[in-house]
Amino acid sequence: MAESNGKQPGVGDEYRNSGLDYGLIQPFKDRLVEVGKKTRNFPNRRDVYVVGDNPVLEYQGNKPHSWKTMLEGLGNKDWIAQWMYQFSGICRSFFDPIAIDQALMGVNDILAVGALPVGYHDEVVAKTSDWFNDQKRAEDYARGVFEVCQLCGMALVGGESPAYRFLLGATPPVSDTPSLSCAVFGIIAPASRRINEKNLRPGDIIIGATSSGWHSNGATYIIEEALKLPDGFNAKLPDGRTLGEHALTPTRSYVALMDAWLEAELEIHAFQPITGGGVAKIAFDKRPFTYRIKDWPKKIPPIFTYMREQFGLSVMGSLTTFNNGIGAVGFFPRSAVQKAMDVGIKAGYEMYELGVVEEGERQTIFGPENDLVLPPPGD
């Protein structure tokens, strides 16, 4: 019989001995619960209220309405934040902009049907419980969650933060970084404001709102190329900021743009954030339409120029991977274009009339690059 040391096993000892300690995770969870309490009133502007201690979203307006939910993952961008935290020498974790990116992956997508965000669930899945025990990183992340909820008008109503030791593992030299995803709940009120992409038609004008940077799609390419540089993400761009700082510029929210367009009762035929597939994503609809781009911003975020000059990123590769300075596009009948542009500018966005939808093969023809033909995303 095995000898006993006379001590009773503590609660959770088996988990701690195997590398999982809920005691290290719980403060992180508690911090996010406090954030959630501070965001409860944010969706009230849309007549949505958080009800009860186990939060439920309740519409208390008097308009016929419908709901839209979206599940999205961030991808590899937070690997860059962890690299900068470990190796940049800058005294910050960069997980506040990462929390913003995490949410906007779902938020910007629900705008495509005219839904405005009212509720938010975050998920942070780490390899070990130790990841949650970094107080600076936890505070930065919590601050980012609060900021994005305030910006978008939504309440943090739940979340999940497990440690999956046998499933996750960051690629060196990063020691540990989580998988981030989210669920966003949006409302369309009145329901007649729903955007139906089937209204998209030849003759529609394509207008775009500028991006803040590369946003969050294409991280794998950026990481692979940055690690070939002598200084990695500490490489300096002409403006003096590092590649890592540029790479971690948070995604732009287009909630205020959509909100303003809906309030102006514009005839919106379609809306599309420029995410995976880059500029080629403009051809998101499956029907045989050609999207002819005639104009594009001359001044684009510096990271795109850097990737072409230093990484050797081709024009085609750039246009089929990254947004290249336009983060979202709207499709309008010609009669609504000027008002849509004016409303967007008043809402704080830099707007461009980009081109037109034509009958023809499903593709994007990018005029500013000698009519380069971009195949539709997925082809």
Protein backbone atom coordinates (compact mmCIF):
# COMPACT_ATOMS: atom_id res chain seq x y z
CA MET A 1 0.00 0.00 0.00
CA ALA A 2 1.26 3.48 -0.86
CA GLU A 3 2.39 5.66 1.99
CA SER A 4 0.32 8.70 2.93
CA ASN A 5 1.71 12.10 3.92
CA GLY A 6 -1.35 12.69 6.06
CA LYS A 7 -2.73 15.50 3.86
CA GLN A 8 -6.08 15.48 2.16
CA PRO A 9 -5.92 16.20 -1.58
CA GLY A 10 -6.90 19.81 -2.34
CA VAL A 11 -9.73 20.72 -4.66
CA GLY A 12 -8.42 20.82 -8.21
CA ASP A 13 -5.03 19.27 -7.33
CA GLU A 14 -5.40 16.68 -10.07
CA TYR A 15 -5.98 19.39 -12.68
CA ARG A 16 -3.10 21.52 -11.37
CA ASN A 17 -0.75 18.57 -11.40
CA SER A 18 -1.64 17.95 -15.04
CA GLY A 19 -0.98 21.58 -15.98
CA LEU A 20 -4.47 23.05 -15.73
CA ASP A 21 -5.17 25.46 -12.88
CA TYR A 22 -8.61 27.05 -12.79
CA GLY A 23 -7.36 29.34 -10.06
CA LEU A 24 -5.20 31.09 -12.67
CA ILE A 25 -8.08 31.41 -15.14
CA GLN A 26 -10.76 32.66 -12.74
CA PRO A 27 -9.39 36.22 -12.25
CA PHE A 28 -9.40 36.65 -16.04
CA LYS A 29 -13.02 35.50 -16.16
CA ASP A 30 -13.96 37.78 -13.27
CA ARG A 31 -12.36 40.78 -14.99
CA LEU A 32 -14.44 40.17 -18.11
CA VAL A 33 -17.61 39.80 -16.01
CA GLU A 34 -16.92 43.28 -14.64
CA VAL A 35 -16.44 44.58 -18.17
CA GLY A 36 -19.76 43.02 -19.13
CA LYS A 37 -21.55 44.89 -16.37
CA LYS A 38 -20.14 48.19 -17.64
CA THR A 39 -21.41 47.54 -21.16
CA ARG A 40 -25.00 46.60 -20.31
CA ASN A 41 -26.47 49.94 -21.39
CA PHE A 42 -24.65 50.22 -24.72
CA PRO A 43 -27.36 48.56 -26.86
CA ASN A 44 -30.14 50.66 -25.32
CA ARG A 45 -29.79 53.15 -28.17
CA ARG A 46 -31.26 50.41 -30.39
CA ASP A 47 -34.10 49.65 -27.93
CA VAL A 48 -32.32 46.47 -26.83
CA TYR A 49 -31.82 45.86 -23.11
CA VAL A 50 -29.79 43.37 -21.10
CA VAL A 51 -32.12 41.65 -18.68
CA GLY A 52 -31.25 39.51 -15.64
CA ASP A 53 -28.08 38.36 -13.92
CA ASN A 54 -27.69 35.58 -16.48
CA PRO A 55 -27.87 38.11 -19.31
CA VAL A 56 -30.64 37.94 -21.88
CA LEU A 57 -31.05 40.43 -24.74
CA GLU A 58 -34.57 41.81 -24.98
CA TYR A 59 -35.94 44.11 -27.66
CA GLN A 60 -38.29 46.63 -26.03
CA GLY A 61 -39.10 48.73 -29.07
CA ASN A 62 -42.34 48.66 -31.05
CA LYS A 63 -41.03 47.90 -34.55
CA PRO A 64 -41.19 44.59 -36.40
CA HIS A 65 -37.66 43.29 -36.17
CA SER A 66 -35.36 40.39 -36.91
CA TRP A 67 -32.05 39.13 -35.56
CA LYS A 68 -28.72 38.12 -37.07
CA THR A 69 -25.94 36.14 -35.38
CA MET A 70 -22.40 35.61 -36.58
CA LEU A 71 -19.59 33.33 -35.40
CA GLU A 72 -16.07 34.32 -36.46
CA GLY A 73 -12.47 33.55 -35.56
CA LEU A 74 -9.62 36.04 -35.58
CA GLY A 75 -7.01 33.76 -37.10
CA ASN A 76 -3.30 34.28 -36.53
CA LYS A 77 -3.09 38.01 -35.87
CA ASP A 78 -2.69 37.67 -32.11
CA TRP A 79 0.51 35.66 -32.76
CA ILE A 80 1.99 38.98 -33.92
CA ALA A 81 0.85 40.67 -30.70
CA GLN A 82 2.52 37.96 -28.63
CA TRP A 83 5.73 38.31 -30.68
CA MET A 84 5.76 42.04 -30.01
CA TYR A 85 5.06 41.47 -26.32
CA GLN A 86 8.04 39.15 -26.05
CA PHE A 87 10.55 40.76 -28.39
CA SER A 88 9.76 44.40 -29.21
CA GLY A 89 10.92 46.01 -25.98
CA ILE A 90 7.76 48.15 -26.05
CA CYS A 91 6.06 48.17 -22.68
CA ARG A 92 2.64 46.95 -23.76
CA SER A 93 1.03 43.64 -24.63
CA PHE A 94 -0.89 44.82 -27.74
CA PHE A 95 -3.87 42.71 -26.69
CA ASP A 96 -6.16 45.76 -26.47
CA PRO A 97 -6.19 46.26 -30.27
CA ILE A 98 -6.34 42.49 -30.65
CA ALA A 99 -9.56 42.40 -28.61
CA ILE A 100 -10.95 45.03 -30.99
CA ASP A 101 -9.93 42.95 -34.02
CA GLN A 102 -11.49 39.85 -32.49
CA ALA A 103 -14.88 41.52 -32.14
CA LEU A 104 -14.87 43.33 -35.47
CA MET A 105 -14.36 40.10 -37.39
CA GLY A 106 -17.96 39.31 -36.52
CA VAL A 107 -19.36 42.82 -36.18
CA ASN A 108 -18.41 44.03 -39.66
CA ASP A 109 -19.83 40.85 -41.18
CA ILE A 110 -23.33 41.24 -39.74
CA LEU A 111 -23.56 44.67 -41.30
CA ALA A 112 -23.89 42.93 -44.69
CA VAL A 113 -27.60 42.29 -43.98
CA GLY A 114 -28.24 45.64 -42.30
CA ALA A 115 -28.00 44.28 -38.75
CA LEU A 116 -26.50 46.48 -36.04
CA PRO A 117 -24.62 44.82 -33.16
CA VAL A 118 -26.24 44.65 -29.73
CA GLY A 119 -24.67 41.61 -28.00
CA TYR A 120 -21.24 40.04 -27.89
CA HIS A 121 -19.64 36.79 -26.67
CA ASP A 122 -15.88 36.40 -26.71
CA GLU A 123 -13.87 33.17 -26.60
CA VAL A 124 -10.22 32.96 -25.58
CA VAL A 125 -8.81 29.43 -25.83
CA ALA A 126 -5.23 29.09 -24.55
CA LYS A 127 -2.89 26.13 -24.40
CA THR A 128 -2.22 26.54 -20.68
CA SER A 129 -3.88 28.24 -17.75
CA ASP A 130 -0.68 30.25 -17.27
CA TRP A 131 -1.59 32.43 -20.26
CA PHE A 132 -4.52 33.92 -18.35
CA ASN A 133 -2.33 34.78 -15.35
CA ASP A 134 -0.48 37.68 -17.01
CA GLN A 135 -2.17 40.67 -15.38
CA LYS A 136 -0.93 43.28 -17.86
CA ARG A 137 -2.12 41.28 -20.83
CA ALA A 138 -5.44 40.53 -19.14
CA GLU A 139 -6.03 44.21 -18.38
CA ASP A 140 -5.16 45.24 -21.92
CA TYR A 141 -7.50 42.63 -23.36
CA ALA A 142 -10.33 43.67 -21.03
CA ARG A 143 -9.85 47.31 -21.96
CA GLY A 144 -10.02 46.43 -25.65
CA VAL A 145 -13.25 44.49 -25.14
CA PHE A 146 -14.82 47.45 -23.35
CA GLU A 147 -13.67 49.88 -26.05
CA VAL A 148 -15.05 47.83 -28.93
CA CYS A 149 -18.37 47.26 -27.16
CA GLN A 150 -18.69 50.99 -26.54
CA LEU A 151 -17.70 51.80 -30.12
CA CYS A 152 -20.20 49.38 -31.63
CA GLY A 153 -23.09 49.82 -29.20
CA MET A 154 -23.16 46.25 -27.93
CA ALA A 155 -23.05 44.55 -24.54
CA LEU A 156 -20.66 41.80 -23.51
CA VAL A 157 -23.19 39.18 -22.41
CA GLY A 158 -21.00 36.10 -22.14
CA GLY A 159 -17.71 34.47 -22.89
CA GLU A 160 -15.58 31.37 -22.66
CA SER A 161 -11.93 31.00 -21.61
CA PRO A 162 -10.74 27.38 -21.46
CA ALA A 163 -7.23 25.95 -21.64
CA TYR A 164 -6.73 23.10 -24.12
CA ARG A 165 -3.29 21.75 -23.37
CA PHE A 166 -3.43 18.88 -25.86
CA LEU A 167 -4.96 20.85 -28.74
CA LEU A 168 -3.07 24.14 -28.99
CA GLY A 169 0.53 25.20 -29.33
CA ALA A 170 2.04 28.37 -30.77
CA THR A 171 4.79 28.19 -33.40
CA PRO A 172 8.18 29.34 -32.02
CA PRO A 173 9.62 31.79 -31.25
CA VAL A 174 6.30 32.77 -29.67
CA SER A 175 5.86 30.80 -26.47
CA ASP A 176 2.08 30.80 -26.13
CA THR A 177 -0.85 32.58 -27.69
CA PRO A 178 -4.56 31.78 -27.73
CA SER A 179 -7.13 31.07 -30.39
CA LEU A 180 -9.63 33.93 -30.40
CA SER A 181 -13.17 33.85 -31.72
CA CYS A 182 -16.47 35.60 -31.12
CA ALA A 183 -20.22 35.51 -31.48
CA VAL A 184 -22.04 38.74 -32.37
CA PHE A 185 -25.78 39.33 -32.09
CA GLY A 186 -27.33 42.01 -34.28
CA ILE A 187 -30.79 43.47 -34.72
CA ILE A 188 -32.58 44.77 -37.78
CA ALA A 189 -35.28 47.18 -36.63
CA PRO A 190 -37.47 47.75 -38.45
CA ALA A 191 -37.11 44.46 -40.28
CA SER A 192 -37.74 46.27 -43.58
CA ARG A 193 -34.18 47.63 -43.32
CA ARG A 194 -32.73 44.24 -44.08
CA ILE A 195 -30.24 44.39 -46.94
CA ASN A 196 -30.94 41.69 -49.49
CA GLU A 197 -27.95 41.10 -51.75
CA LYS A 198 -30.33 39.75 -54.40
CA ASN A 199 -31.10 43.41 -55.12
CA LEU A 200 -27.58 43.79 -56.50
CA ARG A 201 -27.80 44.38 -60.26
CA PRO A 202 -25.83 45.60 -63.28
CA GLY A 203 -25.60 49.38 -63.25
CA ASP A 204 -25.12 49.59 -59.49
CA ILE A 205 -22.31 51.89 -58.40
CA ILE A 206 -19.63 50.58 -56.05
CA ILE A 207 -18.52 52.96 -53.30
CA GLY A 208 -15.90 52.24 -50.67
CA ALA A 209 -14.84 53.36 -47.20
CA THR A 210 -11.14 53.38 -46.43
CA SER A 211 -9.48 50.85 -44.12
CA SER A 212 -7.21 51.52 -41.15
CA GLY A 213 -4.64 49.02 -42.44
CA TRP A 214 -4.59 45.38 -43.46
CA HIS A 215 -7.21 44.61 -40.77
CA SER A 216 -6.98 40.86 -39.97
CA ASN A 217 -6.92 38.72 -43.11
CA GLY A 218 -3.58 37.55 -44.46
CA ALA A 219 -1.74 37.17 -41.14
CA THR A 220 -0.06 33.91 -42.15
CA TYR A 221 1.68 35.59 -45.08
CA ILE A 222 2.76 38.59 -43.01
CA ILE A 223 4.18 36.38 -40.25
CA GLU A 224 6.11 34.15 -42.62
CA GLU A 225 7.67 37.08 -44.46
CA ALA A 226 8.40 39.16 -41.34
CA LEU A 227 10.34 36.30 -39.74
CA LYS A 228 12.71 36.34 -42.72
CA LEU A 229 13.75 39.92 -41.87
CA PRO A 230 16.82 40.44 -39.63
CA ASP A 231 14.75 42.45 -37.13
CA GLY A 232 11.47 40.60 -37.61
CA PHE A 233 8.53 42.75 -36.61
CA ASN A 234 10.95 45.33 -35.18
CA ALA A 235 11.86 46.39 -38.73
CA LYS A 236 11.23 50.12 -39.16
CA LEU A 237 9.02 51.66 -41.80
CA PRO A 238 9.78 55.13 -43.21
CA ASP A 239 7.48 56.81 -40.67
CA GLY A 240 9.60 55.43 -37.79
CA ARG A 241 7.02 52.97 -36.53
CA THR A 242 7.84 49.29 -36.56
CA LEU A 243 6.31 46.70 -38.83
CA GLY A 244 4.71 45.14 -35.75
CA GLU A 245 3.07 48.41 -34.75
CA HIS A 246 1.66 48.85 -38.24
CA ALA A 247 0.55 45.21 -38.34
CA LEU A 248 -1.33 45.65 -35.06
CA THR A 249 -3.31 48.72 -36.08
CA PRO A 250 -6.84 47.68 -35.11
CA THR A 251 -9.49 46.90 -37.70
CA ARG A 252 -11.83 49.76 -38.56
CA SER A 253 -15.46 49.47 -37.51
CA TYR A 254 -18.08 50.25 -40.14
CA VAL A 255 -20.99 50.25 -37.69
CA ALA A 256 -21.32 54.03 -37.68
CA LEU A 257 -21.34 54.02 -41.49
CA MET A 258 -24.10 51.44 -41.73
CA ASP A 259 -26.06 53.08 -38.93
CA ALA A 260 -25.94 56.42 -40.76
CA TRP A 261 -26.93 54.88 -44.09
CA LEU A 262 -29.88 53.09 -42.52
CA GLU A 263 -31.05 56.21 -40.70
CA ALA A 264 -30.88 58.11 -44.00
CA GLU A 265 -33.19 55.44 -45.48
CA LEU A 266 -30.91 54.92 -48.44
CA GLU A 267 -31.57 52.21 -51.01
CA ILE A 268 -28.66 49.87 -50.24
CA HIS A 269 -28.48 46.99 -52.69
CA ALA A 270 -25.55 45.23 -50.98
CA PHE A 271 -22.74 45.75 -48.51
CA GLN A 272 -19.53 43.77 -48.16
CA PRO A 273 -16.53 44.08 -45.82
CA ILE A 274 -13.26 43.40 -47.65
CA THR A 275 -11.92 40.43 -45.70
CA GLY A 276 -10.59 37.06 -46.92
CA GLY A 277 -9.97 37.23 -50.65
CA GLY A 278 -8.89 40.87 -50.56
CA VAL A 279 -10.10 43.29 -53.20
CA ALA A 280 -11.29 40.29 -55.23
CA LYS A 281 -13.94 39.88 -52.50
CA ILE A 282 -15.86 42.66 -54.22
CA ALA A 283 -17.13 39.89 -56.49
CA PHE A 284 -18.80 38.20 -53.51
CA ASP A 285 -22.09 37.48 -55.26
CA LYS A 286 -22.28 34.14 -57.08
CA ARG A 287 -24.11 35.53 -60.11
CA PRO A 288 -22.28 36.34 -63.38
CA PHE A 289 -21.49 40.00 -62.72
CA THR A 290 -18.30 41.86 -63.57
CA TYR A 291 -17.14 44.48 -61.07
CA ARG A 292 -15.21 47.17 -62.92
CA ILE A 293 -13.02 49.25 -60.60
CA LYS A 294 -12.15 52.60 -62.14
CA ASP A 295 -10.76 54.52 -59.17
CA TRP A 296 -8.90 53.69 -55.95
CA PRO A 297 -7.29 55.74 -53.16
CA LYS A 298 -3.86 57.01 -54.18
CA LYS A 299 -2.75 57.14 -50.55
CA ILE A 300 -2.96 53.73 -48.88
CA PRO A 301 -1.76 52.50 -45.46
CA PRO A 302 2.07 52.21 -45.44
CA ILE A 303 2.09 48.48 -44.67
CA PHE A 304 0.82 47.68 -48.18
CA THR A 305 3.66 49.59 -49.83
CA TYR A 306 6.12 47.96 -47.44
CA MET A 307 4.93 44.46 -48.26
CA ARG A 308 5.33 45.08 -51.99
CA GLU A 309 8.78 46.64 -51.65
CA GLN A 310 10.28 44.47 -48.90
CA PHE A 311 8.39 41.18 -49.13
CA GLY A 312 8.16 41.16 -52.91
CA LEU A 313 4.38 40.83 -52.72
CA SER A 314 2.98 40.82 -56.25
CA VAL A 315 0.17 43.11 -57.34
CA MET A 316 -2.07 40.09 -57.93
CA GLY A 317 -1.14 38.58 -54.57
CA SER A 318 -1.88 41.85 -52.82
CA LEU A 319 -5.27 42.36 -54.48
CA THR A 320 -6.40 38.79 -53.81
CA THR A 321 -5.23 38.74 -50.17
CA PHE A 322 -5.49 42.24 -48.70
CA ASN A 323 -7.94 45.14 -48.73
CA ASN A 324 -5.32 47.58 -50.09
CA GLY A 325 -6.87 50.57 -48.39
CA ILE A 326 -10.63 49.99 -48.80
CA GLY A 327 -12.19 48.12 -45.88
CA ALA A 328 -15.82 47.91 -46.98
CA VAL A 329 -17.89 48.51 -50.09
CA GLY A 330 -21.52 49.41 -50.65
CA PHE A 331 -23.54 48.93 -53.82
CA PHE A 332 -26.13 51.60 -54.68
CA PRO A 333 -28.30 52.68 -57.58
CA ARG A 334 -26.82 55.75 -59.26
CA SER A 335 -29.59 57.95 -57.82
CA ALA A 336 -28.48 57.20 -54.24
CA VAL A 337 -24.70 57.47 -54.65
CA GLN A 338 -24.11 61.14 -53.84
CA LYS A 339 -26.23 61.00 -50.71
CA ALA A 340 -24.52 57.77 -49.61
CA MET A 341 -21.13 59.43 -50.07
CA ASP A 342 -22.19 62.56 -48.18
CA VAL A 343 -23.71 60.58 -45.31
CA GLY A 344 -20.59 58.42 -45.05
CA ILE A 345 -18.30 61.44 -44.92
CA LYS A 346 -20.48 63.07 -42.25
CA ALA A 347 -20.25 59.82 -40.24
CA GLY A 348 -16.46 60.15 -40.24
CA TYR A 349 -15.36 57.96 -43.15
CA GLU A 350 -13.24 58.75 -46.18
CA MET A 351 -15.36 57.65 -49.12
CA TYR A 352 -14.59 56.83 -52.76
CA GLU A 353 -16.69 56.08 -55.79
CA LEU A 354 -14.85 53.01 -57.05
CA GLY A 355 -16.66 51.63 -60.07
CA VAL A 356 -19.69 49.89 -61.47
CA VAL A 357 -21.36 46.47 -61.66
CA GLU A 358 -21.72 45.13 -65.19
CA GLU A 359 -23.20 42.09 -66.86
CA GLY A 360 -20.56 39.49 -67.67
CA GLU A 361 -18.27 36.89 -66.20
CA ARG A 362 -17.96 36.86 -62.42
CA GLN A 363 -14.71 38.73 -61.84
CA THR A 364 -13.25 42.04 -60.70
CA ILE A 365 -11.41 44.15 -63.28
CA PHE A 366 -9.02 46.45 -61.43
CA GLY A 367 -8.55 49.49 -63.66
CA PRO A 368 -5.83 51.25 -61.63
CA GLU A 369 -3.51 48.28 -62.38
CA ASN A 370 -4.01 48.19 -66.17
CA ASP A 371 -7.34 46.37 -65.97
CA LEU A 372 -5.88 43.46 -64.04
CA VAL A 373 -8.47 40.67 -63.88
CA LEU A 374 -9.02 39.32 -60.37
CA PRO A 375 -10.72 35.92 -60.16
CA PRO A 376 -13.56 35.70 -57.65
CA PRO A 377 -12.60 34.59 -54.13
CA GLY A 378 -12.27 30.83 -53.83
CA ASP A 379 -11.33 30.29 -57.47
